[in-house]
Amino acid sequence: MAIRLNETALRHARSLVRDGDVVRDERDAWSEDAPTADEENAFIEREGWTEFRHWHLGIDDEADEETKEAYSFPYGDFRKVHRCGVISLESRAGQYDHDEIRDAANRLLSLIDEG
């Protein structure tokens, strides 16, 4: 497994934050706000894998790009960036030594908090 930073998703997240499409929620809210498997499946069915990819800061180039396995570190609910999601992914990325993703999440969090 070779997870790397998904630059396209990072640009998408920054754009959403700049446009005000962000939920400035608390750290522990992600367990309630994260999309369920059914919501993910409905989004993929409706929007496709390319759009699904835009909502994850981690991408595994060794996995089939049309499987959920290829994408990790979600940051939003397919409508808005969630501050709690960014905090959660920053923590998990650091825990598993995905420093590039952790650092990108940290910069994204700063952008959210500036607004």
PDB file of N, CA and C in Angstrom:
ATOM      1  N   MET A   1       0.846  -1.173   0.000  1.00  0.00           N
ATOM      2  CA  MET A   1       0.000   0.000   0.000  1.00  0.00           C
ATOM      3  C   MET A   1       0.893   1.238   0.000  1.00  0.00           C
ATOM      4  N   ALA A   2       0.711   2.083  -1.009  1.00  0.00           N
ATOM      5  CA  ALA A   2       1.513   3.297  -1.145  1.00  0.00           C
ATOM      6  C   ALA A   2       0.585   4.505  -1.177  1.00  0.00           C
ATOM      7  N   ILE A   3       0.179   4.942  -0.016  1.00  0.00           N
ATOM      8  CA  ILE A   3      -0.734   6.081   0.064  1.00  0.00           C
ATOM      9  C   ILE A   3       0.061   7.374  -0.055  1.00  0.00           C
ATOM     10  N   ARG A   4      -0.433   8.243  -0.926  1.00  0.00           N
ATOM     11  CA  ARG A   4       0.199   9.550  -1.125  1.00  0.00           C
ATOM     12  C   ARG A   4      -0.865  10.639  -1.048  1.00  0.00           C
ATOM     13  N   LEU A   5      -0.412  11.876  -0.982  1.00  0.00           N
ATOM     14  CA  LEU A   5      -1.313  13.015  -0.955  1.00  0.00           C
ATOM     15  C   LEU A   5      -2.020  13.147  -2.295  1.00  0.00           C
ATOM     16  N   ASN A   6      -3.318  13.286  -2.247  1.00  0.00           N
ATOM     17  CA  ASN A   6      -4.147  13.504  -3.421  1.00  0.00           C
ATOM     18  C   ASN A   6      -4.235  15.020  -3.639  1.00  0.00           C
ATOM     19  N   GLU A   7      -3.365  15.542  -4.484  1.00  0.00           N
ATOM     20  CA  GLU A   7      -3.271  16.985  -4.717  1.00  0.00           C
ATOM     21  C   GLU A   7      -4.579  17.559  -5.261  1.00  0.00           C
ATOM     22  N   THR A   8      -5.254  16.804  -6.113  1.00  0.00           N
ATOM     23  CA  THR A   8      -6.520  17.275  -6.674  1.00  0.00           C
ATOM     24  C   THR A   8      -7.554  17.471  -5.569  1.00  0.00           C
ATOM     25  N   ALA A   9      -7.623  16.536  -4.637  1.00  0.00           N
ATOM     26  CA  ALA A   9      -8.558  16.652  -3.517  1.00  0.00           C
ATOM     27  C   ALA A   9      -8.192  17.837  -2.631  1.00  0.00           C
ATOM     28  N   LEU A  10      -6.902  18.064  -2.442  1.00  0.00           N
ATOM     29  CA  LEU A  10      -6.475  19.198  -1.628  1.00  0.00           C
ATOM     30  C   LEU A  10      -6.901  20.513  -2.280  1.00  0.00           C
ATOM     31  N   ARG A  11      -6.729  20.635  -3.588  1.00  0.00           N
ATOM     32  CA  ARG A  11      -7.174  21.853  -4.293  1.00  0.00           C
ATOM     33  C   ARG A  11      -8.684  22.016  -4.169  1.00  0.00           C
ATOM     34  N   HIS A  12      -9.418  20.910  -4.281  1.00  0.00           N
ATOM     35  CA  HIS A  12     -10.867  20.939  -4.144  1.00  0.00           C
ATOM     36  C   HIS A  12     -11.261  21.424  -2.748  1.00  0.00           C
ATOM     37  N   ALA A  13     -10.625  20.885  -1.735  1.00  0.00           N
ATOM     38  CA  ALA A  13     -10.930  21.279  -0.353  1.00  0.00           C
ATOM     39  C   ALA A  13     -10.632  22.759  -0.128  1.00  0.00           C
ATOM     40  N   ARG A  14      -9.496  23.228  -0.608  1.00  0.00           N
ATOM     41  CA  ARG A  14      -9.152  24.656  -0.461  1.00  0.00           C
ATOM     42  C   ARG A  14     -10.185  25.539  -1.137  1.00  0.00           C
ATOM     43  N   SER A  15     -10.610  25.145  -2.311  1.00  0.00           N
ATOM     44  CA  SER A  15     -11.609  25.906  -3.051  1.00  0.00           C
ATOM     45  C   SER A  15     -12.922  25.980  -2.275  1.00  0.00           C
ATOM     46  N   LEU A  16     -13.339  24.853  -1.732  1.00  0.00           N
ATOM     47  CA  LEU A  16     -14.565  24.826  -0.934  1.00  0.00           C
ATOM     48  C   LEU A  16     -14.459  25.747   0.277  1.00  0.00           C
ATOM     49  N   VAL A  17     -13.316  25.707   0.960  1.00  0.00           N
ATOM     50  CA  VAL A  17     -13.122  26.559   2.140  1.00  0.00           C
ATOM     51  C   VAL A  17     -13.176  28.025   1.725  1.00  0.00           C
ATOM     52  N   ARG A  18     -12.473  28.379   0.650  1.00  0.00           N
ATOM     53  CA  ARG A  18     -12.479  29.769   0.178  1.00  0.00           C
ATOM     54  C   ARG A  18     -13.885  30.236  -0.196  1.00  0.00           C
ATOM     55  N   ASP A  19     -14.714  29.318  -0.699  1.00  0.00           N
ATOM     56  CA  ASP A  19     -16.084  29.654  -1.083  1.00  0.00           C
ATOM     57  C   ASP A  19     -17.055  29.638   0.101  1.00  0.00           C
ATOM     58  N   GLY A  20     -16.548  29.289   1.276  1.00  0.00           N
ATOM     59  CA  GLY A  20     -17.393  29.262   2.469  1.00  0.00           C
ATOM     60  C   GLY A  20     -18.155  27.963   2.666  1.00  0.00           C
ATOM     61  N   ASP A  21     -17.835  26.952   1.877  1.00  0.00           N
ATOM     62  CA  ASP A  21     -18.502  25.656   2.003  1.00  0.00           C
ATOM     63  C   ASP A  21     -17.784  24.807   3.048  1.00  0.00           C
ATOM     64  N   VAL A  22     -17.893  25.242   4.291  1.00  0.00           N
ATOM     65  CA  VAL A  22     -17.185  24.594   5.387  1.00  0.00           C
ATOM     66  C   VAL A  22     -18.063  24.598   6.632  1.00  0.00           C
ATOM     67  N   VAL A  23     -17.976  23.524   7.402  1.00  0.00           N
ATOM     68  CA  VAL A  23     -18.656  23.418   8.690  1.00  0.00           C
ATOM     69  C   VAL A  23     -17.576  23.533   9.756  1.00  0.00           C
ATOM     70  N   ARG A  24     -17.665  24.569  10.557  1.00  0.00           N
ATOM     71  CA  ARG A  24     -16.660  24.798  11.597  1.00  0.00           C
ATOM     72  C   ARG A  24     -17.129  24.128  12.895  1.00  0.00           C
ATOM     73  N   ASP A  25     -17.063  22.810  12.882  1.00  0.00           N
ATOM     74  CA  ASP A  25     -17.544  22.031  14.005  1.00  0.00           C
ATOM     75  C   ASP A  25     -16.401  21.638  14.932  1.00  0.00           C
ATOM     76  N   GLU A  26     -16.766  20.970  15.993  1.00  0.00           N
ATOM     77  CA  GLU A  26     -15.791  20.601  17.019  1.00  0.00           C
ATOM     78  C   GLU A  26     -15.080  19.292  16.688  1.00  0.00           C
ATOM     79  N   ARG A  27     -13.975  19.098  17.311  1.00  0.00           N
ATOM     80  CA  ARG A  27     -13.074  17.975  17.073  1.00  0.00           C
ATOM     81  C   ARG A  27     -13.772  16.612  17.036  1.00  0.00           C
ATOM     82  N   ASP A  28     -14.636  16.339  17.968  1.00  0.00           N
ATOM     83  CA  ASP A  28     -15.216  15.007  18.104  1.00  0.00           C
ATOM     84  C   ASP A  28     -16.472  14.781  17.255  1.00  0.00           C
ATOM     85  N   ALA A  29     -16.860  15.742  16.468  1.00  0.00           N
ATOM     86  CA  ALA A  29     -18.102  15.635  15.700  1.00  0.00           C
ATOM     87  C   ALA A  29     -17.979  14.721  14.475  1.00  0.00           C
ATOM     88  N   TRP A  30     -16.774  14.364  14.055  1.00  0.00           N
ATOM     89  CA  TRP A  30     -16.598  13.614  12.820  1.00  0.00           C
ATOM     90  C   TRP A  30     -17.278  12.247  12.862  1.00  0.00           C
ATOM     91  N   SER A  31     -17.325  11.621  14.013  1.00  0.00           N
ATOM     92  CA  SER A  31     -17.981  10.311  14.093  1.00  0.00           C
ATOM     93  C   SER A  31     -19.467  10.427  13.731  1.00  0.00           C
ATOM     94  N   GLU A  32     -20.059  11.574  13.957  1.00  0.00           N
ATOM     95  CA  GLU A  32     -21.458  11.810  13.591  1.00  0.00           C
ATOM     96  C   GLU A  32     -21.599  12.374  12.180  1.00  0.00           C
ATOM     97  N   ASP A  33     -20.615  13.152  11.734  1.00  0.00           N
ATOM     98  CA  ASP A  33     -20.717  13.877  10.463  1.00  0.00           C
ATOM     99  C   ASP A  33     -20.182  13.113   9.252  1.00  0.00           C
ATOM    100  N   ALA A  34     -19.316  12.146   9.483  1.00  0.00           N
ATOM    101  CA  ALA A  34     -18.707  11.408   8.372  1.00  0.00           C
ATOM    102  C   ALA A  34     -19.784  10.666   7.581  1.00  0.00           C
ATOM    103  N   PRO A  35     -19.656  10.644   6.266  1.00  0.00           N
ATOM    104  CA  PRO A  35     -20.637   9.908   5.457  1.00  0.00           C
ATOM    105  C   PRO A  35     -20.643   8.413   5.809  1.00  0.00           C
ATOM    106  N   THR A  36     -21.828   7.839   5.810  1.00  0.00           N
ATOM    107  CA  THR A  36     -21.955   6.404   6.039  1.00  0.00           C
ATOM    108  C   THR A  36     -21.595   5.664   4.749  1.00  0.00           C
ATOM    109  N   ALA A  37     -21.429   4.363   4.844  1.00  0.00           N
ATOM    110  CA  ALA A  37     -21.147   3.558   3.655  1.00  0.00           C
ATOM    111  C   ALA A  37     -22.275   3.704   2.629  1.00  0.00           C
ATOM    112  N   ASP A  38     -23.508   3.752   3.089  1.00  0.00           N
ATOM    113  CA  ASP A  38     -24.639   3.924   2.170  1.00  0.00           C
ATOM    114  C   ASP A  38     -24.595   5.284   1.484  1.00  0.00           C
ATOM    115  N   GLU A  39     -24.234   6.318   2.223  1.00  0.00           N
ATOM    116  CA  GLU A  39     -24.117   7.659   1.633  1.00  0.00           C
ATOM    117  C   GLU A  39     -22.976   7.701   0.618  1.00  0.00           C
ATOM    118  N   GLU A  40     -21.875   7.026   0.946  1.00  0.00           N
ATOM    119  CA  GLU A  40     -20.769   6.934  -0.014  1.00  0.00           C
ATOM    120  C   GLU A  40     -21.215   6.233  -1.295  1.00  0.00           C
ATOM    121  N   ASN A  41     -21.892   5.105  -1.139  1.00  0.00           N
ATOM    122  CA  ASN A  41     -22.349   4.350  -2.305  1.00  0.00           C
ATOM    123  C   ASN A  41     -23.306   5.160  -3.164  1.00  0.00           C
ATOM    124  N   ALA A  42     -24.214   5.881  -2.531  1.00  0.00           N
ATOM    125  CA  ALA A  42     -25.164   6.711  -3.273  1.00  0.00           C
ATOM    126  C   ALA A  42     -24.427   7.826  -4.016  1.00  0.00           C
ATOM    127  N   PHE A  43     -23.430   8.414  -3.377  1.00  0.00           N
ATOM    128  CA  PHE A  43     -22.652   9.478  -4.018  1.00  0.00           C
ATOM    129  C   PHE A  43     -21.907   8.928  -5.235  1.00  0.00           C
ATOM    130  N   ILE A  44     -21.275   7.777  -5.076  1.00  0.00           N
ATOM    131  CA  ILE A  44     -20.539   7.161  -6.189  1.00  0.00           C
ATOM    132  C   ILE A  44     -21.496   6.846  -7.336  1.00  0.00           C
ATOM    133  N   GLU A  45     -22.648   6.318  -7.010  1.00  0.00           N
ATOM    134  CA  GLU A  45     -23.642   5.985  -8.039  1.00  0.00           C
ATOM    135  C   GLU A  45     -24.085   7.237  -8.800  1.00  0.00           C
ATOM    136  N   ARG A  46     -24.282   8.306  -8.067  1.00  0.00           N
ATOM    137  CA  ARG A  46     -24.784   9.554  -8.642  1.00  0.00           C
ATOM    138  C   ARG A  46     -23.694  10.349  -9.365  1.00  0.00           C
ATOM    139  N   GLU A  47     -22.509  10.457  -8.739  1.00  0.00           N
ATOM    140  CA  GLU A  47     -21.469  11.368  -9.221  1.00  0.00           C
ATOM    141  C   GLU A  47     -20.266  10.680  -9.867  1.00  0.00           C
ATOM    142  N   GLY A  48     -20.030   9.422  -9.523  1.00  0.00           N
ATOM    143  CA  GLY A  48     -18.914   8.683 -10.094  1.00  0.00           C
ATOM    144  C   GLY A  48     -17.662   8.704  -9.236  1.00  0.00           C
ATOM    145  N   TRP A  49     -16.705   7.879  -9.658  1.00  0.00           N
ATOM    146  CA  TRP A  49     -15.468   7.697  -8.893  1.00  0.00           C
ATOM    147  C   TRP A  49     -14.584   8.936  -8.891  1.00  0.00           C
ATOM    148  N   THR A  50     -14.574   9.689  -9.975  1.00  0.00           N
ATOM    149  CA  THR A  50     -13.726  10.884 -10.033  1.00  0.00           C
ATOM    150  C   THR A  50     -14.140  11.873  -8.952  1.00  0.00           C
ATOM    151  N   GLU A  51     -15.430  12.101  -8.825  1.00  0.00           N
ATOM    152  CA  GLU A  51     -15.905  13.025  -7.793  1.00  0.00           C
ATOM    153  C   GLU A  51     -15.657  12.468  -6.394  1.00  0.00           C
ATOM    154  N   PHE A  52     -15.828  11.166  -6.218  1.00  0.00           N
ATOM    155  CA  PHE A  52     -15.552  10.539  -4.922  1.00  0.00           C
ATOM    156  C   PHE A  52     -14.089  10.770  -4.528  1.00  0.00           C
ATOM    157  N   ARG A  53     -13.198  10.623  -5.495  1.00  0.00           N
ATOM    158  CA  ARG A  53     -11.760  10.813  -5.266  1.00  0.00           C
ATOM    159  C   ARG A  53     -11.464  12.219  -4.746  1.00  0.00           C
ATOM    160  N   HIS A  54     -12.238  13.211  -5.183  1.00  0.00           N
ATOM    161  CA  HIS A  54     -11.998  14.601  -4.780  1.00  0.00           C
ATOM    162  C   HIS A  54     -12.250  14.861  -3.302  1.00  0.00           C
ATOM    163  N   TRP A  55     -12.862  13.932  -2.605  1.00  0.00           N
ATOM    164  CA  TRP A  55     -13.204  14.122  -1.197  1.00  0.00           C
ATOM    165  C   TRP A  55     -12.280  13.376  -0.242  1.00  0.00           C
ATOM    166  N   HIS A  56     -11.107  12.914  -0.749  1.00  0.00           N
ATOM    167  CA  HIS A  56     -10.168  12.144   0.079  1.00  0.00           C
ATOM    168  C   HIS A  56      -8.742  12.642  -0.148  1.00  0.00           C
ATOM    169  N   LEU A  57      -8.063  13.016   0.929  1.00  0.00           N
ATOM    170  CA  LEU A  57      -6.692  13.512   0.794  1.00  0.00           C
ATOM    171  C   LEU A  57      -5.682  12.403   0.578  1.00  0.00           C
ATOM    172  N   GLY A  58      -6.047  11.164   0.809  1.00  0.00           N
ATOM    173  CA  GLY A  58      -5.141  10.038   0.582  1.00  0.00           C
ATOM    174  C   GLY A  58      -5.578   9.225  -0.621  1.00  0.00           C
ATOM    175  N   ILE A  59      -4.595   8.823  -1.428  1.00  0.00           N
ATOM    176  CA  ILE A  59      -4.884   7.975  -2.583  1.00  0.00           C
ATOM    177  C   ILE A  59      -3.807   6.899  -2.663  1.00  0.00           C
ATOM    178  N   ASP A  60      -4.239   5.682  -2.936  1.00  0.00           N
ATOM    179  CA  ASP A  60      -3.331   4.542  -3.052  1.00  0.00           C
ATOM    180  C   ASP A  60      -3.249   4.155  -4.525  1.00  0.00           C
ATOM    181  N   ASP A  61      -2.125   4.459  -5.149  1.00  0.00           N
ATOM    182  CA  ASP A  61      -1.948   4.199  -6.576  1.00  0.00           C
ATOM    183  C   ASP A  61      -1.901   2.710  -6.913  1.00  0.00           C
ATOM    184  N   GLU A  62      -1.686   1.874  -5.920  1.00  0.00           N
ATOM    185  CA  GLU A  62      -1.622   0.437  -6.168  1.00  0.00           C
ATOM    186  C   GLU A  62      -2.998  -0.227  -6.136  1.00  0.00           C
ATOM    187  N   ALA A  63      -3.999   0.492  -5.631  1.00  0.00           N
ATOM    188  CA  ALA A  63      -5.354  -0.060  -5.548  1.00  0.00           C
ATOM    189  C   ALA A  63      -6.142   0.309  -6.806  1.00  0.00           C
ATOM    190  N   ASP A  64      -7.150  -0.480  -7.095  1.00  0.00           N
ATOM    191  CA  ASP A  64      -8.053  -0.204  -8.212  1.00  0.00           C
ATOM    192  C   ASP A  64      -8.740   1.132  -7.945  1.00  0.00           C
ATOM    193  N   GLU A  65      -8.628   2.075  -8.880  1.00  0.00           N
ATOM    194  CA  GLU A  65      -9.182   3.416  -8.661  1.00  0.00           C
ATOM    195  C   GLU A  65     -10.709   3.441  -8.624  1.00  0.00           C
ATOM    196  N   GLU A  66     -11.342   2.342  -8.942  1.00  0.00           N
ATOM    197  CA  GLU A  66     -12.792   2.269  -8.837  1.00  0.00           C
ATOM    198  C   GLU A  66     -13.220   1.379  -7.672  1.00  0.00           C
ATOM    199  N   THR A  67     -12.452   1.504  -6.576  1.00  0.00           N
ATOM    200  CA  THR A  67     -12.810   0.857  -5.314  1.00  0.00           C
ATOM    201  C   THR A  67     -12.563   1.853  -4.185  1.00  0.00           C
ATOM    202  N   LYS A  68     -13.310   1.695  -3.133  1.00  0.00           N
ATOM    203  CA  LYS A  68     -13.113   2.574  -1.973  1.00  0.00           C
ATOM    204  C   LYS A  68     -11.737   2.379  -1.349  1.00  0.00           C
ATOM    205  N   GLU A  69     -11.173   1.205  -1.530  1.00  0.00           N
ATOM    206  CA  GLU A  69      -9.853   0.890  -0.977  1.00  0.00           C
ATOM    207  C   GLU A  69      -8.784   1.896  -1.438  1.00  0.00           C
ATOM    208  N   ALA A  70      -8.987   2.479  -2.605  1.00  0.00           N
ATOM    209  CA  ALA A  70      -7.995   3.388  -3.174  1.00  0.00           C
ATOM    210  C   ALA A  70      -7.972   4.753  -2.479  1.00  0.00           C
ATOM    211  N   TYR A  71      -8.983   5.067  -1.685  1.00  0.00           N
ATOM    212  CA  TYR A  71      -9.125   6.413  -1.132  1.00  0.00           C
ATOM    213  C   TYR A  71      -9.190   6.392   0.384  1.00  0.00           C
ATOM    214  N   SER A  72      -8.485   7.331   0.984  1.00  0.00           N
ATOM    215  CA  SER A  72      -8.449   7.413   2.446  1.00  0.00           C
ATOM    216  C   SER A  72      -8.379   8.880   2.869  1.00  0.00           C
ATOM    217  N   PHE A  73      -8.557   9.109   4.116  1.00  0.00           N
ATOM    218  CA  PHE A  73      -8.491  10.434   4.719  1.00  0.00           C
ATOM    219  C   PHE A  73      -9.551  11.385   4.149  1.00  0.00           C
ATOM    220  N   PRO A  74     -10.843  11.040   4.336  1.00  0.00           N
ATOM    221  CA  PRO A  74     -11.919  11.929   3.899  1.00  0.00           C
ATOM    222  C   PRO A  74     -11.966  13.196   4.758  1.00  0.00           C
ATOM    223  N   TYR A  75     -12.421  14.272   4.169  1.00  0.00           N
ATOM    224  CA  TYR A  75     -12.467  15.550   4.887  1.00  0.00           C
ATOM    225  C   TYR A  75     -13.838  16.217   4.878  1.00  0.00           C
ATOM    226  N   GLY A  76     -14.824  15.599   4.241  1.00  0.00           N
ATOM    227  CA  GLY A  76     -16.119  16.256   4.177  1.00  0.00           C
ATOM    228  C   GLY A  76     -17.245  15.289   3.917  1.00  0.00           C
ATOM    229  N   ASP A  77     -18.437  15.866   3.733  1.00  0.00           N
ATOM    230  CA  ASP A  77     -19.660  15.075   3.590  1.00  0.00           C
ATOM    231  C   ASP A  77     -20.217  15.103   2.166  1.00  0.00           C
ATOM    232  N   PHE A  78     -19.377  15.405   1.187  1.00  0.00           N
ATOM    233  CA  PHE A  78     -19.732  15.492  -0.231  1.00  0.00           C
ATOM    234  C   PHE A  78     -20.476  16.778  -0.567  1.00  0.00           C
ATOM    235  N   ARG A  79     -20.591  17.667   0.410  1.00  0.00           N
ATOM    236  CA  ARG A  79     -21.167  18.986   0.181  1.00  0.00           C
ATOM    237  C   ARG A  79     -20.248  20.066   0.739  1.00  0.00           C
ATOM    238  N   LYS A  80     -19.735  19.812   1.928  1.00  0.00           N
ATOM    239  CA  LYS A  80     -18.906  20.791   2.619  1.00  0.00           C
ATOM    240  C   LYS A  80     -17.714  20.117   3.290  1.00  0.00           C
ATOM    241  N   VAL A  81     -16.668  20.907   3.486  1.00  0.00           N
ATOM    242  CA  VAL A  81     -15.515  20.490   4.278  1.00  0.00           C
ATOM    243  C   VAL A  81     -15.934  20.565   5.743  1.00  0.00           C
ATOM    244  N   HIS A  82     -15.574  19.569   6.513  1.00  0.00           N
ATOM    245  CA  HIS A  82     -15.853  19.581   7.953  1.00  0.00           C
ATOM    246  C   HIS A  82     -14.543  19.754   8.709  1.00  0.00           C
ATOM    247  N   ARG A  83     -14.496  20.778   9.534  1.00  0.00           N
ATOM    248  CA  ARG A  83     -13.308  21.033  10.347  1.00  0.00           C
ATOM    249  C   ARG A  83     -12.945  19.791  11.153  1.00  0.00           C
ATOM    250  N   CYS A  84     -13.943  19.132  11.726  1.00  0.00           N
ATOM    251  CA  CYS A  84     -13.685  17.943  12.536  1.00  0.00           C
ATOM    252  C   CYS A  84     -13.087  16.816  11.687  1.00  0.00           C
ATOM    253  N   GLY A  85     -13.482  16.714  10.424  1.00  0.00           N
ATOM    254  CA  GLY A  85     -12.917  15.709   9.530  1.00  0.00           C
ATOM    255  C   GLY A  85     -11.450  15.978   9.248  1.00  0.00           C
ATOM    256  N   VAL A  86     -11.123  17.245   9.061  1.00  0.00           N
ATOM    257  CA  VAL A  86      -9.728  17.626   8.807  1.00  0.00           C
ATOM    258  C   VAL A  86      -8.878  17.347  10.040  1.00  0.00           C
ATOM    259  N   ILE A  87      -9.397  17.668  11.224  1.00  0.00           N
ATOM    260  CA  ILE A  87      -8.668  17.382  12.466  1.00  0.00           C
ATOM    261  C   ILE A  87      -8.448  15.879  12.604  1.00  0.00           C
ATOM    262  N   SER A  88      -9.489  15.107  12.341  1.00  0.00           N
ATOM    263  CA  SER A  88      -9.393  13.653  12.461  1.00  0.00           C
ATOM    264  C   SER A  88      -8.363  13.087  11.489  1.00  0.00           C
ATOM    265  N   LEU A  89      -8.406  13.519  10.251  1.00  0.00           N
ATOM    266  CA  LEU A  89      -7.471  12.955   9.272  1.00  0.00           C
ATOM    267  C   LEU A  89      -6.042  13.404   9.548  1.00  0.00           C
ATOM    268  N   GLU A  90      -5.885  14.630  10.044  1.00  0.00           N
ATOM    269  CA  GLU A  90      -4.538  15.096  10.395  1.00  0.00           C
ATOM    270  C   GLU A  90      -3.935  14.204  11.478  1.00  0.00           C
ATOM    271  N   SER A  91      -4.721  13.884  12.475  1.00  0.00           N
ATOM    272  CA  SER A  91      -4.264  13.034  13.567  1.00  0.00           C
ATOM    273  C   SER A  91      -3.912  11.624  13.074  1.00  0.00           C
ATOM    274  N   ARG A  92      -4.818  11.031  12.277  1.00  0.00           N
ATOM    275  CA  ARG A  92      -4.574   9.675  11.774  1.00  0.00           C
ATOM    276  C   ARG A  92      -3.383   9.636  10.812  1.00  0.00           C
ATOM    277  N   ALA A  93      -3.246  10.645   9.989  1.00  0.00           N
ATOM    278  CA  ALA A  93      -2.115  10.675   9.054  1.00  0.00           C
ATOM    279  C   ALA A  93      -0.797  10.740   9.820  1.00  0.00           C
ATOM    280  N   GLY A  94      -0.759  11.551  10.866  1.00  0.00           N
ATOM    281  CA  GLY A  94       0.443  11.634  11.687  1.00  0.00           C
ATOM    282  C   GLY A  94       0.727  10.326  12.402  1.00  0.00           C
ATOM    283  N   GLN A  95      -0.313   9.688  12.890  1.00  0.00           N
ATOM    284  CA  GLN A  95      -0.175   8.418  13.610  1.00  0.00           C
ATOM    285  C   GLN A  95       0.432   7.336  12.718  1.00  0.00           C
ATOM    286  N   TYR A  96       0.091   7.363  11.427  1.00  0.00           N
ATOM    287  CA  TYR A  96       0.567   6.328  10.497  1.00  0.00           C
ATOM    288  C   TYR A  96       1.677   6.815   9.575  1.00  0.00           C
ATOM    289  N   ASP A  97       2.343   7.895   9.982  1.00  0.00           N
ATOM    290  CA  ASP A  97       3.528   8.420   9.289  1.00  0.00           C
ATOM    291  C   ASP A  97       3.268   8.843   7.840  1.00  0.00           C
ATOM    292  N   HIS A  98       2.086   9.360   7.578  1.00  0.00           N
ATOM    293  CA  HIS A  98       1.789   9.954   6.274  1.00  0.00           C
ATOM    294  C   HIS A  98       1.996  11.462   6.427  1.00  0.00           C
ATOM    295  N   ASP A  99       3.272  11.844   6.521  1.00  0.00           N
ATOM    296  CA  ASP A  99       3.624  13.219   6.875  1.00  0.00           C
ATOM    297  C   ASP A  99       3.121  14.241   5.864  1.00  0.00           C
ATOM    298  N   GLU A 100       3.163  13.917   4.596  1.00  0.00           N
ATOM    299  CA  GLU A 100       2.725  14.862   3.575  1.00  0.00           C
ATOM    300  C   GLU A 100       1.213  15.143   3.719  1.00  0.00           C
ATOM    301  N   ILE A 101       0.457  14.122   3.999  1.00  0.00           N
ATOM    302  CA  ILE A 101      -0.985  14.284   4.191  1.00  0.00           C
ATOM    303  C   ILE A 101      -1.250  15.030   5.490  1.00  0.00           C
ATOM    304  N   ARG A 102      -0.534  14.682   6.541  1.00  0.00           N
ATOM    305  CA  ARG A 102      -0.687  15.376   7.828  1.00  0.00           C
ATOM    306  C   ARG A 102      -0.410  16.864   7.675  1.00  0.00           C
ATOM    307  N   ASP A 103       0.671  17.206   6.976  1.00  0.00           N
ATOM    308  CA  ASP A 103       1.042  18.609   6.802  1.00  0.00           C
ATOM    309  C   ASP A 103       0.026  19.356   5.953  1.00  0.00           C
ATOM    310  N   ALA A 104      -0.488  18.701   4.918  1.00  0.00           N
ATOM    311  CA  ALA A 104      -1.509  19.318   4.074  1.00  0.00           C
ATOM    312  C   ALA A 104      -2.780  19.570   4.892  1.00  0.00           C
ATOM    313  N   ALA A 105      -3.146  18.616   5.736  1.00  0.00           N
ATOM    314  CA  ALA A 105      -4.329  18.779   6.586  1.00  0.00           C
ATOM    315  C   ALA A 105      -4.124  19.926   7.569  1.00  0.00           C
ATOM    316  N   ASN A 106      -2.932  20.052   8.088  1.00  0.00           N
ATOM    317  CA  ASN A 106      -2.621  21.140   9.007  1.00  0.00           C
ATOM    318  C   ASN A 106      -2.785  22.495   8.329  1.00  0.00           C
ATOM    319  N   ARG A 107      -2.305  22.598   7.089  1.00  0.00           N
ATOM    320  CA  ARG A 107      -2.450  23.864   6.342  1.00  0.00           C
ATOM    321  C   ARG A 107      -3.920  24.119   6.010  1.00  0.00           C
ATOM    322  N   LEU A 108      -4.657  23.075   5.693  1.00  0.00           N
ATOM    323  CA  LEU A 108      -6.082  23.224   5.405  1.00  0.00           C
ATOM    324  C   LEU A 108      -6.829  23.681   6.661  1.00  0.00           C
ATOM    325  N   LEU A 109      -6.475  23.134   7.798  1.00  0.00           N
ATOM    326  CA  LEU A 109      -7.086  23.527   9.063  1.00  0.00           C
ATOM    327  C   LEU A 109      -6.811  25.008   9.353  1.00  0.00           C
ATOM    328  N   SER A 110      -5.597  25.451   9.070  1.00  0.00           N
ATOM    329  CA  SER A 110      -5.268  26.871   9.255  1.00  0.00           C
ATOM    330  C   SER A 110      -6.129  27.748   8.361  1.00  0.00           C
ATOM    331  N   LEU A 111      -6.343  27.318   7.126  1.00  0.00           N
ATOM    332  CA  LEU A 111      -7.181  28.064   6.195  1.00  0.00           C
ATOM    333  C   LEU A 111      -8.624  28.145   6.719  1.00  0.00           C
ATOM    334  N   ILE A 112      -9.114  27.038   7.248  1.00  0.00           N
ATOM    335  CA  ILE A 112     -10.464  27.018   7.819  1.00  0.00           C
ATOM    336  C   ILE A 112     -10.558  27.989   8.989  1.00  0.00           C
ATOM    337  N   ASP A 113      -9.571  27.948   9.873  1.00  0.00           N
ATOM    338  CA  ASP A 113      -9.611  28.764  11.081  1.00  0.00           C
ATOM    339  C   ASP A 113      -9.397  30.246  10.801  1.00  0.00           C
ATOM    340  N   GLU A 114      -8.801  30.584   9.667  1.00  0.00           N
ATOM    341  CA  GLU A 114      -8.625  31.983   9.292  1.00  0.00           C
ATOM    342  C   GLU A 114      -9.948  32.632   8.918  1.00  0.00           C
ATOM    343  N   GLY A 115     -10.878  31.801   8.377  1.00  0.00           N
ATOM    344  CA  GLY A 115     -12.142  32.324   7.836  1.00  0.00           C
ATOM    345  C   GLY A 115     -13.143  32.730   8.840  1.00  0.00           C
TER     346      GLY A 115
END
